[in-house]
Amino acid sequence: IHHHQQKNAEIIARLERIPVTRRLQFMRVTIGIATFFDAYTVLAIAFA
């Protein structure tokens, strides 16, 4: 059990050190834009 816990901790630590690549940055921007228009659509129908 201790061995598996150490392995999991190592995996999490490695994930924490993953650099912000262009692909990840692109997805972050895309998710942000999508969130913005999610909200826009929710309210826009009320005015139409």
All heavy atoms as atom14 arrays in JSON, in Angstrom:
{
  "sequence": "IHHHQQKNAEIIARLERIPVTRRLQFMRVTIGIATFFDAYTVLAIAFA",
  "atom14_mask": [
    [1, 1, 1, 1, 1, 1, 1, 1, 0, 0, 0, 0, 0, 0],
    [1, 1, 1, 1, 1, 1, 1, 1, 1, 1, 0, 0, 0, 0],
    [1, 1, 1, 1, 1, 1, 1, 1, 1, 1, 0, 0, 0, 0],
    [1, 1, 1, 1, 1, 1, 1, 1, 1, 1, 0, 0, 0, 0],
    [1, 1, 1, 1, 1, 1, 1, 1, 1, 0, 0, 0, 0, 0],
    [1, 1, 1, 1, 1, 1, 1, 1, 1, 0, 0, 0, 0, 0],
    [1, 1, 1, 1, 1, 1, 1, 1, 1, 0, 0, 0, 0, 0],
    [1, 1, 1, 1, 1, 1, 1, 1, 0, 0, 0, 0, 0, 0],
    [1, 1, 1, 1, 1, 0, 0, 0, 0, 0, 0, 0, 0, 0],
    [1, 1, 1, 1, 1, 1, 1, 1, 1, 0, 0, 0, 0, 0],
    [1, 1, 1, 1, 1, 1, 1, 1, 0, 0, 0, 0, 0, 0],
    [1, 1, 1, 1, 1, 1, 1, 1, 0, 0, 0, 0, 0, 0],
    [1, 1, 1, 1, 1, 0, 0, 0, 0, 0, 0, 0, 0, 0],
    [1, 1, 1, 1, 1, 1, 1, 1, 1, 1, 1, 0, 0, 0],
    [1, 1, 1, 1, 1, 1, 1, 1, 0, 0, 0, 0, 0, 0],
    [1, 1, 1, 1, 1, 1, 1, 1, 1, 0, 0, 0, 0, 0],
    [1, 1, 1, 1, 1, 1, 1, 1, 1, 1, 1, 0, 0, 0],
    [1, 1, 1, 1, 1, 1, 1, 1, 0, 0, 0, 0, 0, 0],
    [1, 1, 1, 1, 1, 1, 1, 0, 0, 0, 0, 0, 0, 0],
    [1, 1, 1, 1, 1, 1, 1, 0, 0, 0, 0, 0, 0, 0],
    [1, 1, 1, 1, 1, 1, 1, 0, 0, 0, 0, 0, 0, 0],
    [1, 1, 1, 1, 1, 1, 1, 1, 1, 1, 1, 0, 0, 0],
    [1, 1, 1, 1, 1, 1, 1, 1, 1, 1, 1, 0, 0, 0],
    [1, 1, 1, 1, 1, 1, 1, 1, 0, 0, 0, 0, 0, 0],
    [1, 1, 1, 1, 1, 1, 1, 1, 1, 0, 0, 0, 0, 0],
    [1, 1, 1, 1, 1, 1, 1, 1, 1, 1, 1, 0, 0, 0],
    [1, 1, 1, 1, 1, 1, 1, 1, 0, 0, 0, 0, 0, 0],
    [1, 1, 1, 1, 1, 1, 1, 1, 1, 1, 1, 0, 0, 0],
    [1, 1, 1, 1, 1, 1, 1, 0, 0, 0, 0, 0, 0, 0],
    [1, 1, 1, 1, 1, 1, 1, 0, 0, 0, 0, 0, 0, 0],
    [1, 1, 1, 1, 1, 1, 1, 1, 0, 0, 0, 0, 0, 0],
    [1, 1, 1, 1, 0, 0, 0, 0, 0, 0, 0, 0, 0, 0],
    [1, 1, 1, 1, 1, 1, 1, 1, 0, 0, 0, 0, 0, 0],
    [1, 1, 1, 1, 1, 0, 0, 0, 0, 0, 0, 0, 0, 0],
    [1, 1, 1, 1, 1, 1, 1, 0, 0, 0, 0, 0, 0, 0],
    [1, 1, 1, 1, 1, 1, 1, 1, 1, 1, 1, 0, 0, 0],
    [1, 1, 1, 1, 1, 1, 1, 1, 1, 1, 1, 0, 0, 0],
    [1, 1, 1, 1, 1, 1, 1, 1, 0, 0, 0, 0, 0, 0],
    [1, 1, 1, 1, 1, 0, 0, 0, 0, 0, 0, 0, 0, 0],
    [1, 1, 1, 1, 1, 1, 1, 1, 1, 1, 1, 1, 0, 0],
    [1, 1, 1, 1, 1, 1, 1, 0, 0, 0, 0, 0, 0, 0],
    [1, 1, 1, 1, 1, 1, 1, 0, 0, 0, 0, 0, 0, 0],
    [1, 1, 1, 1, 1, 1, 1, 1, 0, 0, 0, 0, 0, 0],
    [1, 1, 1, 1, 1, 0, 0, 0, 0, 0, 0, 0, 0, 0],
    [1, 1, 1, 1, 1, 1, 1, 1, 0, 0, 0, 0, 0, 0],
    [1, 1, 1, 1, 1, 0, 0, 0, 0, 0, 0, 0, 0, 0],
    [1, 1, 1, 1, 1, 1, 1, 1, 1, 1, 1, 0, 0, 0],
    [1, 1, 1, 1, 1, 0, 0, 0, 0, 0, 0, 0, 0, 0]
  ],
  "atom14_positions": [
    [[0.84, -1.21, 0.0], [0.0, 0.0, 0.0], [0.87, 1.26, 0.0], [0.61, 2.22, -0.73], [-0.94, -0.01, 1.22], [-1.98, -1.12, 1.08], [-1.64, 1.35, 1.38], [-2.82, -1.34, 2.34], [0.0, 0.0, 0.0], [0.0, 0.0, 0.0], [0.0, 0.0, 0.0], [0.0, 0.0, 0.0], [0.0, 0.0, 0.0], [0.0, 0.0, 0.0]],
    [[1.91, 1.23, 0.83], [2.82, 2.38, 0.89], [3.51, 2.61, -0.44], [3.7, 3.76, -0.88], [3.86, 2.14, 2.0], [4.83, 3.27, 2.16], [4.47, 4.5, 2.62], [6.18, 3.32, 1.89], [5.52, 5.29, 2.64], [6.58, 4.59, 2.21], [0.0, 0.0, 0.0], [0.0, 0.0, 0.0], [0.0, 0.0, 0.0], [0.0, 0.0, 0.0]],
    [[3.87, 1.51, -1.11], [4.52, 1.61, -2.42], [3.6, 2.28, -3.44], [4.02, 3.17, -4.2], [4.92, 0.2, -2.89], [5.49, 0.2, -4.28], [6.76, 0.67, -4.55], [4.95, -0.23, -5.47], [6.98, 0.54, -5.86], [5.9, -0.01, -6.43], [0.0, 0.0, 0.0], [0.0, 0.0, 0.0], [0.0, 0.0, 0.0], [0.0, 0.0, 0.0]],
    [[2.32, 1.85, -3.44], [1.35, 2.44, -4.37], [1.1, 3.92, -4.06], [0.94, 4.74, -4.98], [0.03, 1.67, -4.31], [0.07, 0.36, -5.04], [0.41, 0.25, -6.37], [-0.2, -0.91, -4.62], [0.36, -1.02, -6.75], [-0.01, -1.77, -5.69], [0.0, 0.0, 0.0], [0.0, 0.0, 0.0], [0.0, 0.0, 0.0], [0.0, 0.0, 0.0]],
    [[1.09, 4.25, -2.78], [0.9, 5.64, -2.4], [2.06, 6.51, -2.88], [1.85, 7.64, -3.35], [0.76, 5.75, -0.88], [-0.56, 5.22, -0.35], [-0.63, 5.27, 1.17], [0.41, 5.32, 1.85], [-1.86, 5.23, 1.7], [0.0, 0.0, 0.0], [0.0, 0.0, 0.0], [0.0, 0.0, 0.0], [0.0, 0.0, 0.0], [0.0, 0.0, 0.0]],
    [[3.28, 5.95, -2.78], [4.44, 6.69, -3.26], [4.36, 6.9, -4.77], [4.67, 7.97, -5.28], [5.73, 5.94, -2.9], [6.14, 6.09, -1.45], [7.49, 5.45, -1.2], [7.78, 4.35, -1.7], [8.33, 6.12, -0.41], [0.0, 0.0, 0.0], [0.0, 0.0, 0.0], [0.0, 0.0, 0.0], [0.0, 0.0, 0.0], [0.0, 0.0, 0.0]],
    [[3.95, 5.83, -5.49], [3.81, 5.93, -6.95], [2.78, 6.99, -7.33], [3.0, 7.8, -8.24], [3.42, 4.57, -7.53], [4.54, 3.55, -7.57], [5.58, 3.97, -8.6], [6.67, 2.91, -8.72], [7.73, 3.33, -9.69], [0.0, 0.0, 0.0], [0.0, 0.0, 0.0], [0.0, 0.0, 0.0], [0.0, 0.0, 0.0], [0.0, 0.0, 0.0]],
    [[1.65, 6.97, -6.65], [0.6, 7.96, -6.94], [1.1, 9.38, -6.67], [0.8, 10.31, -7.43], [-0.64, 7.69, -6.09], [-1.38, 6.44, -6.54], [-1.24, 6.0, -7.68], [-2.18, 5.86, -5.64], [0.0, 0.0, 0.0], [0.0, 0.0, 0.0], [0.0, 0.0, 0.0], [0.0, 0.0, 0.0], [0.0, 0.0, 0.0], [0.0, 0.0, 0.0]],
    [[1.85, 9.53, -5.56], [2.39, 10.84, -5.22], [3.36, 11.32, -6.29], [3.4, 12.5, -6.65], [3.07, 10.8, -3.86], [0.0, 0.0, 0.0], [0.0, 0.0, 0.0], [0.0, 0.0, 0.0], [0.0, 0.0, 0.0], [0.0, 0.0, 0.0], [0.0, 0.0, 0.0], [0.0, 0.0, 0.0], [0.0, 0.0, 0.0], [0.0, 0.0, 0.0]],
    [[4.18, 10.37, -6.81], [5.13, 10.72, -7.87], [4.4, 11.15, -9.15], [4.79, 12.11, -9.82], [6.04, 9.53, -8.17], [7.04, 9.23, -7.06], [7.85, 7.96, -7.34], [7.7, 7.42, -8.46], [8.6, 7.53, -6.46], [0.0, 0.0, 0.0], [0.0, 0.0, 0.0], [0.0, 0.0, 0.0], [0.0, 0.0, 0.0], [0.0, 0.0, 0.0]],
    [[3.31, 10.43, -9.48], [2.53, 10.76, -10.69], [1.91, 12.15, -10.55], [1.95, 12.97, -11.47], [1.44, 9.71, -10.94], [2.09, 8.37, -11.32], [0.48, 10.17, -12.03], [1.1, 7.22, -11.4], [0.0, 0.0, 0.0], [0.0, 0.0, 0.0], [0.0, 0.0, 0.0], [0.0, 0.0, 0.0], [0.0, 0.0, 0.0], [0.0, 0.0, 0.0]],
    [[1.34, 12.42, -9.36], [0.72, 13.73, -9.12], [1.77, 14.84, -9.2], [1.54, 15.9, -9.78], [0.02, 13.75, -7.75], [-1.19, 12.81, -7.78], [-0.42, 15.17, -7.38], [-1.85, 12.6, -6.42], [0.0, 0.0, 0.0], [0.0, 0.0, 0.0], [0.0, 0.0, 0.0], [0.0, 0.0, 0.0], [0.0, 0.0, 0.0], [0.0, 0.0, 0.0]],
    [[2.96, 14.55, -8.62], [4.04, 15.54, -8.66], [4.47, 15.82, -10.09], [4.75, 16.97, -10.46], [5.22, 15.05, -7.82], [0.0, 0.0, 0.0], [0.0, 0.0, 0.0], [0.0, 0.0, 0.0], [0.0, 0.0, 0.0], [0.0, 0.0, 0.0], [0.0, 0.0, 0.0], [0.0, 0.0, 0.0], [0.0, 0.0, 0.0], [0.0, 0.0, 0.0]],
    [[4.53, 14.77, -10.9], [4.91, 14.95, -12.3], [3.85, 15.75, -13.05], [4.18, 16.6, -13.89], [5.12, 13.59, -12.96], [6.37, 12.86, -12.45], [6.45, 11.45, -13.02], [6.59, 11.48, -14.47], [6.62, 10.39, -15.24], [6.46, 9.19, -14.68], [6.76, 10.5, -16.53], [0.0, 0.0, 0.0], [0.0, 0.0, 0.0], [0.0, 0.0, 0.0]],
    [[2.58, 15.48, -12.76], [1.5, 16.24, -13.39], [1.58, 17.72, -13.02], [1.3, 18.6, -13.85], [0.13, 15.67, -12.99], [-0.26, 14.34, -13.63], [-1.55, 13.81, -12.99], [-0.46, 14.48, -15.14], [0.0, 0.0, 0.0], [0.0, 0.0, 0.0], [0.0, 0.0, 0.0], [0.0, 0.0, 0.0], [0.0, 0.0, 0.0], [0.0, 0.0, 0.0]],
    [[1.95, 17.98, -11.75], [2.05, 19.37, -11.3], [3.16, 20.1, -12.03], [3.12, 21.33, -12.17], [2.31, 19.42, -9.79], [1.16, 18.93, -8.94], [-0.04, 19.86, -9.02], [0.16, 21.07, -9.24], [-1.17, 19.38, -8.88], [0.0, 0.0, 0.0], [0.0, 0.0, 0.0], [0.0, 0.0, 0.0], [0.0, 0.0, 0.0], [0.0, 0.0, 0.0]],
    [[4.19, 19.34, -12.5], [5.33, 19.97, -13.17], [5.15, 20.08, -14.68], [6.04, 20.57, -15.37], [6.61, 19.18, -12.86], [7.04, 19.24, -11.39], [8.45, 18.73, -11.22], [8.59, 17.34, -11.63], [8.42, 16.3, -10.81], [8.1, 16.51, -9.53], [8.57, 15.07, -11.25], [0.0, 0.0, 0.0], [0.0, 0.0, 0.0], [0.0, 0.0, 0.0]],
    [[4.01, 19.59, -15.2], [3.79, 19.66, -16.65], [3.76, 21.12, -17.09], [3.02, 21.93, -16.55], [2.45, 18.98, -17.04], [2.54, 17.47, -16.81], [2.09, 19.26, -18.49], [1.24, 16.74, -17.1], [0.0, 0.0, 0.0], [0.0, 0.0, 0.0], [0.0, 0.0, 0.0], [0.0, 0.0, 0.0], [0.0, 0.0, 0.0], [0.0, 0.0, 0.0]],
    [[4.58, 21.48, -18.08], [4.61, 22.88, -18.53], [3.32, 23.24, -19.3], [2.63, 22.35, -19.82], [5.84, 22.92, -19.46], [5.97, 21.52, -19.96], [5.53, 20.63, -18.82], [0.0, 0.0, 0.0], [0.0, 0.0, 0.0], [0.0, 0.0, 0.0], [0.0, 0.0, 0.0], [0.0, 0.0, 0.0], [0.0, 0.0, 0.0], [0.0, 0.0, 0.0]],
    [[3.04, 24.53, -19.37], [1.87, 25.0, -20.12], [2.25, 25.07, -21.6], [2.89, 26.02, -22.05], [1.4, 26.38, -19.61], [0.19, 26.86, -20.42], [1.07, 26.32, -18.14], [0.0, 0.0, 0.0], [0.0, 0.0, 0.0], [0.0, 0.0, 0.0], [0.0, 0.0, 0.0], [0.0, 0.0, 0.0], [0.0, 0.0, 0.0], [0.0, 0.0, 0.0]],
    [[1.89, 24.05, -22.34], [2.21, 23.98, -23.76], [1.25, 24.86, -24.57], [0.24, 25.34, -24.07], [2.11, 22.53, -24.26], [0.75, 22.09, -24.1], [3.03, 21.62, -23.46], [0.0, 0.0, 0.0], [0.0, 0.0, 0.0], [0.0, 0.0, 0.0], [0.0, 0.0, 0.0], [0.0, 0.0, 0.0], [0.0, 0.0, 0.0], [0.0, 0.0, 0.0]],
    [[1.57, 25.04, -25.86], [0.7, 25.82, -26.73], [-0.67, 25.17, -26.85], [-1.69, 25.86, -26.9], [1.34, 25.95, -28.12], [2.53, 26.89, -28.17], [3.03, 27.06, -29.61], [4.14, 27.99, -29.67], [4.75, 28.33, -30.8], [4.34, 27.8, -31.96], [5.76, 29.18, -30.79], [0.0, 0.0, 0.0], [0.0, 0.0, 0.0], [0.0, 0.0, 0.0]],
    [[-0.67, 23.86, -26.9], [-1.94, 23.14, -27.02], [-2.81, 23.37, -25.78], [-4.01, 23.62, -25.88], [-1.68, 21.65, -27.21], [-2.95, 20.83, -27.41], [-2.6, 19.36, -27.52], [-3.78, 18.57, -27.8], [-3.78, 17.24, -27.84], [-2.66, 16.57, -27.61], [-4.89, 16.58, -28.09], [0.0, 0.0, 0.0], [0.0, 0.0, 0.0], [0.0, 0.0, 0.0]],
    [[-2.17, 23.3, -24.6], [-2.91, 23.52, -23.36], [-3.39, 24.96, -23.27], [-4.51, 25.23, -22.84], [-2.03, 23.17, -22.16], [-2.68, 23.29, -20.77], [-3.93, 22.42, -20.69], [-1.68, 22.91, -19.68], [0.0, 0.0, 0.0], [0.0, 0.0, 0.0], [0.0, 0.0, 0.0], [0.0, 0.0, 0.0], [0.0, 0.0, 0.0], [0.0, 0.0, 0.0]],
    [[-2.52, 25.9, -23.7], [-2.9, 27.31, -23.68], [-4.09, 27.55, -24.61], [-5.01, 28.31, -24.28], [-1.71, 28.17, -24.11], [-1.93, 29.67, -23.94], [-2.07, 30.08, -22.49], [-1.46, 29.5, -21.61], [-2.9, 31.08, -22.24], [0.0, 0.0, 0.0], [0.0, 0.0, 0.0], [0.0, 0.0, 0.0], [0.0, 0.0, 0.0], [0.0, 0.0, 0.0]],
    [[-4.06, 26.89, -25.78], [-5.16, 27.03, -26.74], [-6.46, 26.52, -26.13], [-7.52, 27.15, -26.27], [-4.83, 26.24, -28.01], [-5.97, 26.17, -28.99], [-6.29, 27.27, -29.79], [-6.73, 25.02, -29.1], [-7.35, 27.21, -30.68], [-7.8, 24.95, -29.99], [-8.1, 26.06, -30.78], [0.0, 0.0, 0.0], [0.0, 0.0, 0.0], [0.0, 0.0, 0.0]],
    [[-6.41, 25.39, -25.44], [-7.61, 24.83, -24.83], [-8.13, 25.73, -23.71], [-9.34, 25.89, -23.54], [-7.33, 23.43, -24.29], [-7.15, 22.37, -25.37], [-8.52, 22.35, -26.57], [-9.93, 22.08, -25.52], [0.0, 0.0, 0.0], [0.0, 0.0, 0.0], [0.0, 0.0, 0.0], [0.0, 0.0, 0.0], [0.0, 0.0, 0.0], [0.0, 0.0, 0.0]],
    [[-7.21, 26.34, -22.96], [-7.64, 27.24, -21.9], [-8.39, 28.44, -22.48], [-9.44, 28.84, -21.96], [-6.42, 27.72, -21.1], [-5.79, 26.63, -20.24], [-4.43, 27.02, -19.71], [-4.49, 28.13, -18.76], [-3.43, 28.58, -18.09], [-2.24, 28.01, -18.28], [-3.55, 29.56, -17.25], [0.0, 0.0, 0.0], [0.0, 0.0, 0.0], [0.0, 0.0, 0.0]],
    [[-7.85, 28.98, -23.56], [-8.5, 30.13, -24.2], [-9.86, 29.72, -24.78], [-10.86, 30.43, -24.65], [-7.6, 30.71, -25.31], [-8.36, 31.77, -26.12], [-6.34, 31.31, -24.71], [0.0, 0.0, 0.0], [0.0, 0.0, 0.0], [0.0, 0.0, 0.0], [0.0, 0.0, 0.0], [0.0, 0.0, 0.0], [0.0, 0.0, 0.0], [0.0, 0.0, 0.0]],
    [[-9.89, 28.54, -25.42], [-11.12, 28.05, -26.02], [-12.2, 27.83, -24.97], [-13.37, 28.2, -25.16], [-10.87, 26.73, -26.78], [-9.85, 26.94, -27.76], [-12.13, 26.22, -27.45], [0.0, 0.0, 0.0], [0.0, 0.0, 0.0], [0.0, 0.0, 0.0], [0.0, 0.0, 0.0], [0.0, 0.0, 0.0], [0.0, 0.0, 0.0], [0.0, 0.0, 0.0]],
    [[-11.82, 27.23, -23.85], [-12.78, 27.0, -22.76], [-13.29, 28.33, -22.22], [-14.49, 28.49, -21.93], [-12.13, 26.17, -21.63], [-11.85, 24.74, -22.14], [-13.02, 26.13, -20.4], [-10.99, 23.91, -21.19], [0.0, 0.0, 0.0], [0.0, 0.0, 0.0], [0.0, 0.0, 0.0], [0.0, 0.0, 0.0], [0.0, 0.0, 0.0], [0.0, 0.0, 0.0]],
    [[-12.39, 29.3, -22.1], [-12.81, 30.62, -21.61], [-13.81, 31.29, -22.53], [-14.82, 31.83, -22.09], [0.0, 0.0, 0.0], [0.0, 0.0, 0.0], [0.0, 0.0, 0.0], [0.0, 0.0, 0.0], [0.0, 0.0, 0.0], [0.0, 0.0, 0.0], [0.0, 0.0, 0.0], [0.0, 0.0, 0.0], [0.0, 0.0, 0.0], [0.0, 0.0, 0.0]],
    [[-13.53, 31.24, -23.85], [-14.45, 31.84, -24.83], [-15.79, 31.12, -24.8], [-16.85, 31.75, -24.85], [-13.83, 31.79, -26.24], [-12.58, 32.69, -26.31], [-14.84, 32.2, -27.29], [-11.8, 32.57, -27.59], [0.0, 0.0, 0.0], [0.0, 0.0, 0.0], [0.0, 0.0, 0.0], [0.0, 0.0, 0.0], [0.0, 0.0, 0.0], [0.0, 0.0, 0.0]],
    [[-15.74, 29.8, -24.72], [-16.98, 29.01, -24.68], [-17.81, 29.37, -23.45], [-19.03, 29.49, -23.52], [-16.65, 27.52, -24.69], [0.0, 0.0, 0.0], [0.0, 0.0, 0.0], [0.0, 0.0, 0.0], [0.0, 0.0, 0.0], [0.0, 0.0, 0.0], [0.0, 0.0, 0.0], [0.0, 0.0, 0.0], [0.0, 0.0, 0.0], [0.0, 0.0, 0.0]],
    [[-17.15, 29.55, -22.32], [-17.86, 29.92, -21.08], [-18.54, 31.27, -21.23], [-19.68, 31.46, -20.81], [-16.87, 29.98, -19.9], [-16.21, 28.72, -19.78], [-17.59, 30.3, -18.61], [0.0, 0.0, 0.0], [0.0, 0.0, 0.0], [0.0, 0.0, 0.0], [0.0, 0.0, 0.0], [0.0, 0.0, 0.0], [0.0, 0.0, 0.0], [0.0, 0.0, 0.0]],
    [[-17.83, 32.22, -21.86], [-18.39, 33.55, -22.08], [-19.67, 33.47, -22.9], [-20.7, 34.06, -22.56], [-17.35, 34.41, -22.8], [-17.82, 35.79, -23.15], [-17.69, 36.83, -22.24], [-18.37, 36.06, -24.38], [-18.12, 38.11, -22.55], [-18.81, 37.33, -24.7], [-18.67, 38.36, -23.79], [0.0, 0.0, 0.0], [0.0, 0.0, 0.0], [0.0, 0.0, 0.0]],
    [[-19.64, 32.7, -24.0], [-20.81, 32.62, -24.87], [-21.89, 31.7, -24.31], [-23.06, 31.83, -24.69], [-20.38, 32.18, -26.28], [-19.77, 33.31, -27.06], [-18.41, 33.39, -27.24], [-20.57, 34.32, -27.59], [-17.84, 34.43, -27.95], [-20.02, 35.36, -28.3], [-18.64, 35.43, -28.47], [0.0, 0.0, 0.0], [0.0, 0.0, 0.0], [0.0, 0.0, 0.0]],
    [[-21.51, 30.78, -23.41], [-22.54, 30.03, -22.68], [-23.46, 31.0, -21.95], [-24.68, 30.91, -22.03], [-21.89, 29.08, -21.66], [-21.26, 27.87, -22.31], [-21.54, 27.63, -23.51], [-20.5, 27.17, -21.64], [0.0, 0.0, 0.0], [0.0, 0.0, 0.0], [0.0, 0.0, 0.0], [0.0, 0.0, 0.0], [0.0, 0.0, 0.0], [0.0, 0.0, 0.0]],
    [[-22.84, 31.92, -21.24], [-23.61, 32.9, -20.46], [-24.36, 33.85, -21.37], [-25.52, 34.19, -21.12], [-22.66, 33.68, -19.55], [0.0, 0.0, 0.0], [0.0, 0.0, 0.0], [0.0, 0.0, 0.0], [0.0, 0.0, 0.0], [0.0, 0.0, 0.0], [0.0, 0.0, 0.0], [0.0, 0.0, 0.0], [0.0, 0.0, 0.0], [0.0, 0.0, 0.0]],
    [[-23.71, 34.29, -22.45], [-24.35, 35.21, -23.39], [-25.64, 34.61, -23.93], [-26.68, 35.28, -24.0], [-23.38, 35.51, -24.54], [-23.96, 36.38, -25.62], [-23.91, 37.76, -25.53], [-24.57, 35.81, -26.74], [-24.46, 38.56, -26.52], [-25.12, 36.61, -27.73], [-25.06, 37.98, -27.61], [-25.61, 38.76, -28.6], [0.0, 0.0, 0.0], [0.0, 0.0, 0.0]],
    [[-25.59, 33.34, -24.28], [-26.76, 32.68, -24.86], [-27.88, 32.52, -23.84], [-29.06, 32.64, -24.18], [-26.35, 31.29, -25.4], [-25.31, 31.46, -26.36], [-27.53, 30.6, -26.07], [0.0, 0.0, 0.0], [0.0, 0.0, 0.0], [0.0, 0.0, 0.0], [0.0, 0.0, 0.0], [0.0, 0.0, 0.0], [0.0, 0.0, 0.0], [0.0, 0.0, 0.0]],
    [[-27.51, 32.25, -22.59], [-28.52, 32.07, -21.53], [-29.42, 33.29, -21.43], [-30.65, 33.18, -21.31], [-27.83, 31.8, -20.18], [-28.82, 31.93, -19.03], [-27.22, 30.4, -20.17], [0.0, 0.0, 0.0], [0.0, 0.0, 0.0], [0.0, 0.0, 0.0], [0.0, 0.0, 0.0], [0.0, 0.0, 0.0], [0.0, 0.0, 0.0], [0.0, 0.0, 0.0]],
    [[-28.81, 34.49, -21.51], [-29.58, 35.72, -21.32], [-30.11, 36.29, -22.63], [-31.15, 36.95, -22.64], [-28.71, 36.76, -20.61], [-29.44, 37.96, -20.01], [-30.5, 37.51, -19.02], [-28.45, 38.9, -19.32], [0.0, 0.0, 0.0], [0.0, 0.0, 0.0], [0.0, 0.0, 0.0], [0.0, 0.0, 0.0], [0.0, 0.0, 0.0], [0.0, 0.0, 0.0]],
    [[-29.42, 36.06, -23.73], [-29.82, 36.66, -25.01], [-31.23, 36.26, -25.41], [-31.98, 37.07, -25.97], [-28.82, 36.26, -26.1], [0.0, 0.0, 0.0], [0.0, 0.0, 0.0], [0.0, 0.0, 0.0], [0.0, 0.0, 0.0], [0.0, 0.0, 0.0], [0.0, 0.0, 0.0], [0.0, 0.0, 0.0], [0.0, 0.0, 0.0], [0.0, 0.0, 0.0]],
    [[-31.61, 35.01, -25.15], [-32.94, 34.55, -25.52], [-34.03, 35.36, -24.83], [-35.11, 35.58, -25.38], [-33.1, 33.04, -25.21], [-34.43, 32.5, -25.74], [-32.98, 32.78, -23.72], [-34.54, 32.5, -27.23], [0.0, 0.0, 0.0], [0.0, 0.0, 0.0], [0.0, 0.0, 0.0], [0.0, 0.0, 0.0], [0.0, 0.0, 0.0], [0.0, 0.0, 0.0]],
    [[-33.74, 35.84, -23.62], [-34.74, 36.61, -22.87], [-35.06, 37.93, -23.57], [-36.2, 38.4, -23.53], [-34.22, 36.88, -21.46], [0.0, 0.0, 0.0], [0.0, 0.0, 0.0], [0.0, 0.0, 0.0], [0.0, 0.0, 0.0], [0.0, 0.0, 0.0], [0.0, 0.0, 0.0], [0.0, 0.0, 0.0], [0.0, 0.0, 0.0], [0.0, 0.0, 0.0]],
    [[-34.05, 38.52, -24.23], [-34.28, 39.78, -24.92], [-34.96, 39.58, -26.27], [-35.64, 40.48, -26.77], [-32.95, 40.52, -25.11], [-32.31, 40.94, -23.83], [-31.18, 40.28, -23.34], [-32.84, 41.98, -23.09], [-30.59, 40.68, -22.15], [-32.25, 42.38, -21.89], [-31.13, 41.72, -21.42], [0.0, 0.0, 0.0], [0.0, 0.0, 0.0], [0.0, 0.0, 0.0]],
    [[-34.76, 38.42, -26.88], [-35.36, 38.15, -28.19], [-36.81, 37.71, -28.08], [-37.62, 37.95, -28.98], [-34.55, 37.08, -28.92], [0.0, 0.0, 0.0], [0.0, 0.0, 0.0], [0.0, 0.0, 0.0], [0.0, 0.0, 0.0], [0.0, 0.0, 0.0], [0.0, 0.0, 0.0], [0.0, 0.0, 0.0], [0.0, 0.0, 0.0], [0.0, 0.0, 0.0]]
  ]
}
